[in-house]
Amino acid sequence: MKHDTQNKLAPTTIVLHWLVGITIIGLLASGVYMAENGVYTLFPWHKAFGFLILFVALARVFWRFKNGWPSAAGNYTALEHRLAHVVHWVLIGATLLMPISGLMGSVLGGHGLDVFGIEVFAQNFSVEDPEKTLPINYELSKLGSAVHFYLGYVVIGALVLHIVGALKHHIIDKDGTLRRMLGKQI
């Protein structure tokens, strides 16, 4: 398996980056849309993709620790390096915390989890009223939901910084960082 170099990123790095990135952006967009408009028809898809991306994000974190962080493609100030480091850690951590907190909110709230027709966690129905779901752990469910909600906005901010940084590298610095993330050698 190839590893990252200063001039070229490994195919594994590129695939995991774009798969997680695009999926997380889609999940954030659907989550914000549902929360802002009170429309929850996308909820089953949101939960299913969120659950599945957790495993891809775990693979990405494992790969990142195994492979290490790629060297910078250019020379930057200490502040730029620090900001990039913080943003990358926020994004890496959030790709794990977002699905885990979403699972906490849903499953511990008694709503279960269905992934494209496959029941992963059953709903917790009331014995007295089979139409009503009961929380398994109300406090942890609310904590998971709150973390999921607020962390979503933190991730949006980190993504904006990440994208602006990538564009700065490409347009202003012309250092090849974005080209490298697109699979090109610099």
C-alpha atoms as a PDB file:
ATOM      1  CA  MET A   1       0.000   0.000   0.000  1.00  0.00           C
ATOM      2  CA  LYS A   2       1.435   3.357  -1.027  1.00  0.00           C
ATOM      3  CA  HIS A   3       2.067   6.127   1.497  1.00  0.00           C
ATOM      4  CA  ASP A   4       1.907   9.896   1.174  1.00  0.00           C
ATOM      5  CA  THR A   5       4.957  11.810   0.035  1.00  0.00           C
ATOM      6  CA  GLN A   6       5.549  15.547  -0.133  1.00  0.00           C
ATOM      7  CA  ASN A   7       4.919  15.433  -3.891  1.00  0.00           C
ATOM      8  CA  LYS A   8       2.046  12.935  -4.140  1.00  0.00           C
ATOM      9  CA  LEU A   9      -0.653  11.599  -1.833  1.00  0.00           C
ATOM     10  CA  ALA A  10      -1.507   7.922  -1.646  1.00  0.00           C
ATOM     11  CA  PRO A  11      -4.709   6.828  -3.423  1.00  0.00           C
ATOM     12  CA  THR A  12      -6.068   5.656  -0.048  1.00  0.00           C
ATOM     13  CA  THR A  13      -5.603   9.151   1.410  1.00  0.00           C
ATOM     14  CA  ILE A  14      -7.361  10.768  -1.534  1.00  0.00           C
ATOM     15  CA  VAL A  15     -10.313   8.349  -1.663  1.00  0.00           C
ATOM     16  CA  LEU A  16     -10.933   8.490   2.092  1.00  0.00           C
ATOM     17  CA  HIS A  17     -10.630  12.303   2.150  1.00  0.00           C
ATOM     18  CA  TRP A  18     -13.143  12.881  -0.642  1.00  0.00           C
ATOM     19  CA  LEU A  19     -15.552  10.113   0.385  1.00  0.00           C
ATOM     20  CA  VAL A  20     -15.753  11.360   3.970  1.00  0.00           C
ATOM     21  CA  GLY A  21     -15.688  15.038   2.952  1.00  0.00           C
ATOM     22  CA  ILE A  22     -18.449  14.881   0.358  1.00  0.00           C
ATOM     23  CA  THR A  23     -20.633  12.640   2.524  1.00  0.00           C
ATOM     24  CA  ILE A  24     -20.211  14.876   5.581  1.00  0.00           C
ATOM     25  CA  ILE A  25     -21.073  17.963   3.515  1.00  0.00           C
ATOM     26  CA  GLY A  26     -24.221  16.227   2.244  1.00  0.00           C
ATOM     27  CA  LEU A  27     -25.174  15.139   5.759  1.00  0.00           C
ATOM     28  CA  LEU A  28     -24.592  18.643   7.117  1.00  0.00           C
ATOM     29  CA  ALA A  29     -26.709  20.145   4.342  1.00  0.00           C
ATOM     30  CA  SER A  30     -29.561  17.696   4.938  1.00  0.00           C
ATOM     31  CA  GLY A  31     -29.303  18.155   8.722  1.00  0.00           C
ATOM     32  CA  VAL A  32     -29.409  21.945   8.537  1.00  0.00           C
ATOM     33  CA  TYR A  33     -32.269  21.780   6.027  1.00  0.00           C
ATOM     34  CA  MET A  34     -34.294  19.489   8.289  1.00  0.00           C
ATOM     35  CA  ALA A  35     -33.562  21.493  11.450  1.00  0.00           C
ATOM     36  CA  GLU A  36     -34.222  24.911   9.898  1.00  0.00           C
ATOM     37  CA  ASN A  37     -37.411  23.892   8.069  1.00  0.00           C
ATOM     38  CA  GLY A  38     -38.855  21.263  10.407  1.00  0.00           C
ATOM     39  CA  VAL A  39     -38.960  18.822   7.478  1.00  0.00           C
ATOM     40  CA  TYR A  40     -37.778  15.377   8.513  1.00  0.00           C
ATOM     41  CA  THR A  41     -38.490  13.278   5.432  1.00  0.00           C
ATOM     42  CA  LEU A  42     -34.738  12.951   4.851  1.00  0.00           C
ATOM     43  CA  PHE A  43     -34.177  11.643   8.374  1.00  0.00           C
ATOM     44  CA  PRO A  44     -34.008   7.898   7.504  1.00  0.00           C
ATOM     45  CA  TRP A  45     -31.410   8.591   4.795  1.00  0.00           C
ATOM     46  CA  HIS A  46     -29.510  11.008   7.031  1.00  0.00           C
ATOM     47  CA  LYS A  47     -29.288   8.412   9.798  1.00  0.00           C
ATOM     48  CA  ALA A  48     -28.343   5.565   7.431  1.00  0.00           C
ATOM     49  CA  PHE A  49     -25.570   7.492   5.666  1.00  0.00           C
ATOM     50  CA  GLY A  50     -24.377   8.898   9.004  1.00  0.00           C
ATOM     51  CA  PHE A  51     -24.082   5.394  10.437  1.00  0.00           C
ATOM     52  CA  LEU A  52     -22.239   4.076   7.384  1.00  0.00           C
ATOM     53  CA  ILE A  53     -19.833   7.014   7.164  1.00  0.00           C
ATOM     54  CA  LEU A  54     -18.768   6.302  10.747  1.00  0.00           C
ATOM     55  CA  PHE A  55     -16.979   3.172   9.506  1.00  0.00           C
ATOM     56  CA  VAL A  56     -15.321   5.017   6.632  1.00  0.00           C
ATOM     57  CA  ALA A  57     -14.292   7.794   9.044  1.00  0.00           C
ATOM     58  CA  LEU A  58     -12.798   5.192  11.387  1.00  0.00           C
ATOM     59  CA  ALA A  59     -10.809   3.813   8.448  1.00  0.00           C
ATOM     60  CA  ARG A  60      -9.678   7.344   7.617  1.00  0.00           C
ATOM     61  CA  VAL A  61      -8.540   7.999  11.201  1.00  0.00           C
ATOM     62  CA  PHE A  62      -6.714   4.652  11.286  1.00  0.00           C
ATOM     63  CA  TRP A  63      -5.063   5.460   7.939  1.00  0.00           C
ATOM     64  CA  ARG A  64      -4.089   8.933   9.108  1.00  0.00           C
ATOM     65  CA  PHE A  65      -2.370   7.580  12.243  1.00  0.00           C
ATOM     66  CA  LYS A  66      -0.740   4.719  10.328  1.00  0.00           C
ATOM     67  CA  ASN A  67       0.361   6.876   7.394  1.00  0.00           C
ATOM     68  CA  GLY A  68       1.092  10.087   9.319  1.00  0.00           C
ATOM     69  CA  TRP A  69       0.281  13.631   8.291  1.00  0.00           C
ATOM     70  CA  PRO A  70       1.457  14.659   4.818  1.00  0.00           C
ATOM     71  CA  SER A  71       4.211  17.246   4.655  1.00  0.00           C
ATOM     72  CA  ALA A  72       3.193  20.758   3.689  1.00  0.00           C
ATOM     73  CA  ALA A  73       3.558  21.453  -0.008  1.00  0.00           C
ATOM     74  CA  GLY A  74       5.018  24.910   0.634  1.00  0.00           C
ATOM     75  CA  ASN A  75       6.552  27.143   3.287  1.00  0.00           C
ATOM     76  CA  TYR A  76       4.095  28.814   5.638  1.00  0.00           C
ATOM     77  CA  THR A  77       4.080  30.878   8.784  1.00  0.00           C
ATOM     78  CA  ALA A  78       3.766  29.278  12.205  1.00  0.00           C
ATOM     79  CA  LEU A  79       0.242  30.729  12.480  1.00  0.00           C
ATOM     80  CA  GLU A  80      -0.828  29.120   9.184  1.00  0.00           C
ATOM     81  CA  HIS A  81       0.581  25.751  10.288  1.00  0.00           C
ATOM     82  CA  ARG A  82      -1.158  26.018  13.669  1.00  0.00           C
ATOM     83  CA  LEU A  83      -4.501  26.997  12.126  1.00  0.00           C
ATOM     84  CA  ALA A  84      -4.288  24.172   9.570  1.00  0.00           C
ATOM     85  CA  HIS A  85      -3.415  21.715  12.340  1.00  0.00           C
ATOM     86  CA  VAL A  86      -6.361  22.791  14.512  1.00  0.00           C
ATOM     87  CA  VAL A  87      -8.824  22.726  11.594  1.00  0.00           C
ATOM     88  CA  HIS A  88      -7.665  19.262  10.523  1.00  0.00           C
ATOM     89  CA  TRP A  89      -8.036  17.913  14.073  1.00  0.00           C
ATOM     90  CA  VAL A  90     -11.514  19.456  14.394  1.00  0.00           C
ATOM     91  CA  LEU A  91     -12.543  17.824  11.114  1.00  0.00           C
ATOM     92  CA  ILE A  92     -11.008  14.442  11.989  1.00  0.00           C
ATOM     93  CA  GLY A  93     -12.619  14.446  15.440  1.00  0.00           C
ATOM     94  CA  ALA A  94     -15.951  15.654  14.114  1.00  0.00           C
ATOM     95  CA  THR A  95     -16.135  12.911  11.488  1.00  0.00           C
ATOM     96  CA  LEU A  96     -16.254  10.494  14.437  1.00  0.00           C
ATOM     97  CA  LEU A  97     -18.217  12.575  16.960  1.00  0.00           C
ATOM     98  CA  MET A  98     -20.998  13.604  14.579  1.00  0.00           C
ATOM     99  CA  PRO A  99     -22.183  10.052  13.787  1.00  0.00           C
ATOM    100  CA  ILE A 100     -21.602   8.838  17.364  1.00  0.00           C
ATOM    101  CA  SER A 101     -23.579  11.729  18.878  1.00  0.00           C
ATOM    102  CA  GLY A 102     -26.321  11.263  16.266  1.00  0.00           C
ATOM    103  CA  LEU A 103     -26.535   7.576  17.187  1.00  0.00           C
ATOM    104  CA  MET A 104     -26.704   8.484  20.869  1.00  0.00           C
ATOM    105  CA  GLY A 105     -29.570  10.885  20.239  1.00  0.00           C
ATOM    106  CA  SER A 106     -31.553   8.484  18.091  1.00  0.00           C
ATOM    107  CA  VAL A 107     -30.925   5.075  19.615  1.00  0.00           C
ATOM    108  CA  LEU A 108     -30.914   6.168  23.263  1.00  0.00           C
ATOM    109  CA  GLY A 109     -33.998   8.279  22.504  1.00  0.00           C
ATOM    110  CA  GLY A 110     -35.770   5.013  21.650  1.00  0.00           C
ATOM    111  CA  HIS A 111     -36.014   5.710  17.915  1.00  0.00           C
ATOM    112  CA  GLY A 112     -33.698   2.905  16.825  1.00  0.00           C
ATOM    113  CA  LEU A 113     -31.712   2.816  13.619  1.00  0.00           C
ATOM    114  CA  ASP A 114     -32.692   1.404  10.276  1.00  0.00           C
ATOM    115  CA  VAL A 115     -30.042   1.355   7.537  1.00  0.00           C
ATOM    116  CA  PHE A 116     -31.761   1.091   4.156  1.00  0.00           C
ATOM    117  CA  GLY A 117     -34.291  -1.442   5.421  1.00  0.00           C
ATOM    118  CA  ILE A 118     -31.972  -3.338   7.771  1.00  0.00           C
ATOM    119  CA  GLU A 119     -32.813  -2.832  11.425  1.00  0.00           C
ATOM    120  CA  VAL A 120     -29.541  -2.216  13.271  1.00  0.00           C
ATOM    121  CA  PHE A 121     -31.092  -1.002  16.540  1.00  0.00           C
ATOM    122  CA  ALA A 122     -34.770  -1.656  17.247  1.00  0.00           C
ATOM    123  CA  GLN A 123     -37.146   1.087  18.306  1.00  0.00           C
ATOM    124  CA  ASN A 124     -38.082   0.993  21.983  1.00  0.00           C
ATOM    125  CA  PHE A 125     -41.869   0.861  21.898  1.00  0.00           C
ATOM    126  CA  SER A 126     -44.086   1.356  24.931  1.00  0.00           C
ATOM    127  CA  VAL A 127     -45.865  -1.767  26.156  1.00  0.00           C
ATOM    128  CA  GLU A 128     -49.000   0.257  26.980  1.00  0.00           C
ATOM    129  CA  ASP A 129     -49.030   2.216  23.706  1.00  0.00           C
ATOM    130  CA  PRO A 130     -47.280   0.335  20.848  1.00  0.00           C
ATOM    131  CA  GLU A 131     -47.353   3.507  18.712  1.00  0.00           C
ATOM    132  CA  LYS A 132     -45.190   5.446  21.199  1.00  0.00           C
ATOM    133  CA  THR A 133     -41.417   5.125  21.514  1.00  0.00           C
ATOM    134  CA  LEU A 134     -39.767   5.404  24.913  1.00  0.00           C
ATOM    135  CA  PRO A 135     -36.254   6.672  25.533  1.00  0.00           C
ATOM    136  CA  ILE A 136     -33.713   4.122  26.678  1.00  0.00           C
ATOM    137  CA  ASN A 137     -31.728   6.862  28.426  1.00  0.00           C
ATOM    138  CA  TYR A 138     -33.322  10.287  28.145  1.00  0.00           C
ATOM    139  CA  GLU A 139     -30.363  12.296  29.515  1.00  0.00           C
ATOM    140  CA  LEU A 140     -27.763  10.659  27.258  1.00  0.00           C
ATOM    141  CA  SER A 141     -30.138  10.948  24.311  1.00  0.00           C
ATOM    142  CA  LYS A 142     -30.509  14.698  24.888  1.00  0.00           C
ATOM    143  CA  LEU A 143     -26.737  15.061  25.364  1.00  0.00           C
ATOM    144  CA  GLY A 144     -26.078  13.212  22.088  1.00  0.00           C
ATOM    145  CA  SER A 145     -28.641  15.319  20.252  1.00  0.00           C
ATOM    146  CA  ALA A 146     -27.225  18.582  21.626  1.00  0.00           C
ATOM    147  CA  VAL A 147     -23.641  17.618  20.747  1.00  0.00           C
ATOM    148  CA  HIS A 148     -24.785  16.563  17.274  1.00  0.00           C
ATOM    149  CA  PHE A 149     -26.650  19.833  16.695  1.00  0.00           C
ATOM    150  CA  TYR A 150     -24.005  22.279  17.948  1.00  0.00           C
ATOM    151  CA  LEU A 151     -21.028  20.341  16.622  1.00  0.00           C
ATOM    152  CA  GLY A 152     -22.657  20.507  13.188  1.00  0.00           C
ATOM    153  CA  TYR A 153     -22.229  24.275  13.168  1.00  0.00           C
ATOM    154  CA  VAL A 154     -18.633  23.982  14.419  1.00  0.00           C
ATOM    155  CA  VAL A 155     -17.936  21.584  11.543  1.00  0.00           C
ATOM    156  CA  ILE A 156     -19.466  24.004   9.046  1.00  0.00           C
ATOM    157  CA  GLY A 157     -17.077  26.695  10.289  1.00  0.00           C
ATOM    158  CA  ALA A 158     -14.100  24.320  10.112  1.00  0.00           C
ATOM    159  CA  LEU A 159     -15.104  23.225   6.604  1.00  0.00           C
ATOM    160  CA  VAL A 160     -15.305  26.836   5.446  1.00  0.00           C
ATOM    161  CA  LEU A 161     -11.796  27.458   6.822  1.00  0.00           C
ATOM    162  CA  HIS A 162     -10.566  24.222   5.215  1.00  0.00           C
ATOM    163  CA  ILE A 163     -11.991  25.120   1.798  1.00  0.00           C
ATOM    164  CA  VAL A 164     -10.763  28.716   1.996  1.00  0.00           C
ATOM    165  CA  GLY A 165      -7.317  27.391   2.944  1.00  0.00           C
ATOM    166  CA  ALA A 166      -7.317  24.968   0.010  1.00  0.00           C
ATOM    167  CA  LEU A 167      -8.298  27.767  -2.364  1.00  0.00           C
ATOM    168  CA  LYS A 168      -5.622  30.052  -0.890  1.00  0.00           C
ATOM    169  CA  HIS A 169      -3.027  27.326  -1.488  1.00  0.00           C
ATOM    170  CA  HIS A 170      -4.231  26.884  -5.057  1.00  0.00           C
ATOM    171  CA  ILE A 171      -4.917  30.459  -6.172  1.00  0.00           C
ATOM    172  CA  ILE A 172      -2.536  32.619  -4.138  1.00  0.00           C
ATOM    173  CA  ASP A 173       0.329  30.321  -3.105  1.00  0.00           C
ATOM    174  CA  LYS A 174       0.167  28.131  -6.237  1.00  0.00           C
ATOM    175  CA  ASP A 175       1.904  25.417  -4.213  1.00  0.00           C
ATOM    176  CA  GLY A 176       0.171  22.315  -5.546  1.00  0.00           C
ATOM    177  CA  THR A 177      -1.666  21.366  -2.333  1.00  0.00           C
ATOM    178  CA  LEU A 178      -5.034  21.095  -4.077  1.00  0.00           C
ATOM    179  CA  ARG A 179      -3.506  19.377  -7.103  1.00  0.00           C
ATOM    180  CA  ARG A 180      -1.954  16.817  -4.740  1.00  0.00           C
ATOM    181  CA  MET A 181      -5.375  16.199  -3.111  1.00  0.00           C
ATOM    182  CA  LEU A 182      -6.798  15.623  -6.592  1.00  0.00           C
ATOM    183  CA  GLY A 183      -4.238  12.862  -7.199  1.00  0.00           C
ATOM    184  CA  LYS A 184      -1.712  14.852  -9.186  1.00  0.00           C
ATOM    185  CA  GLN A 185       2.003  14.911  -8.530  1.00  0.00           C
ATOM    186  CA  ILE A 186       3.509  18.314  -7.696  1.00  0.00           C
END
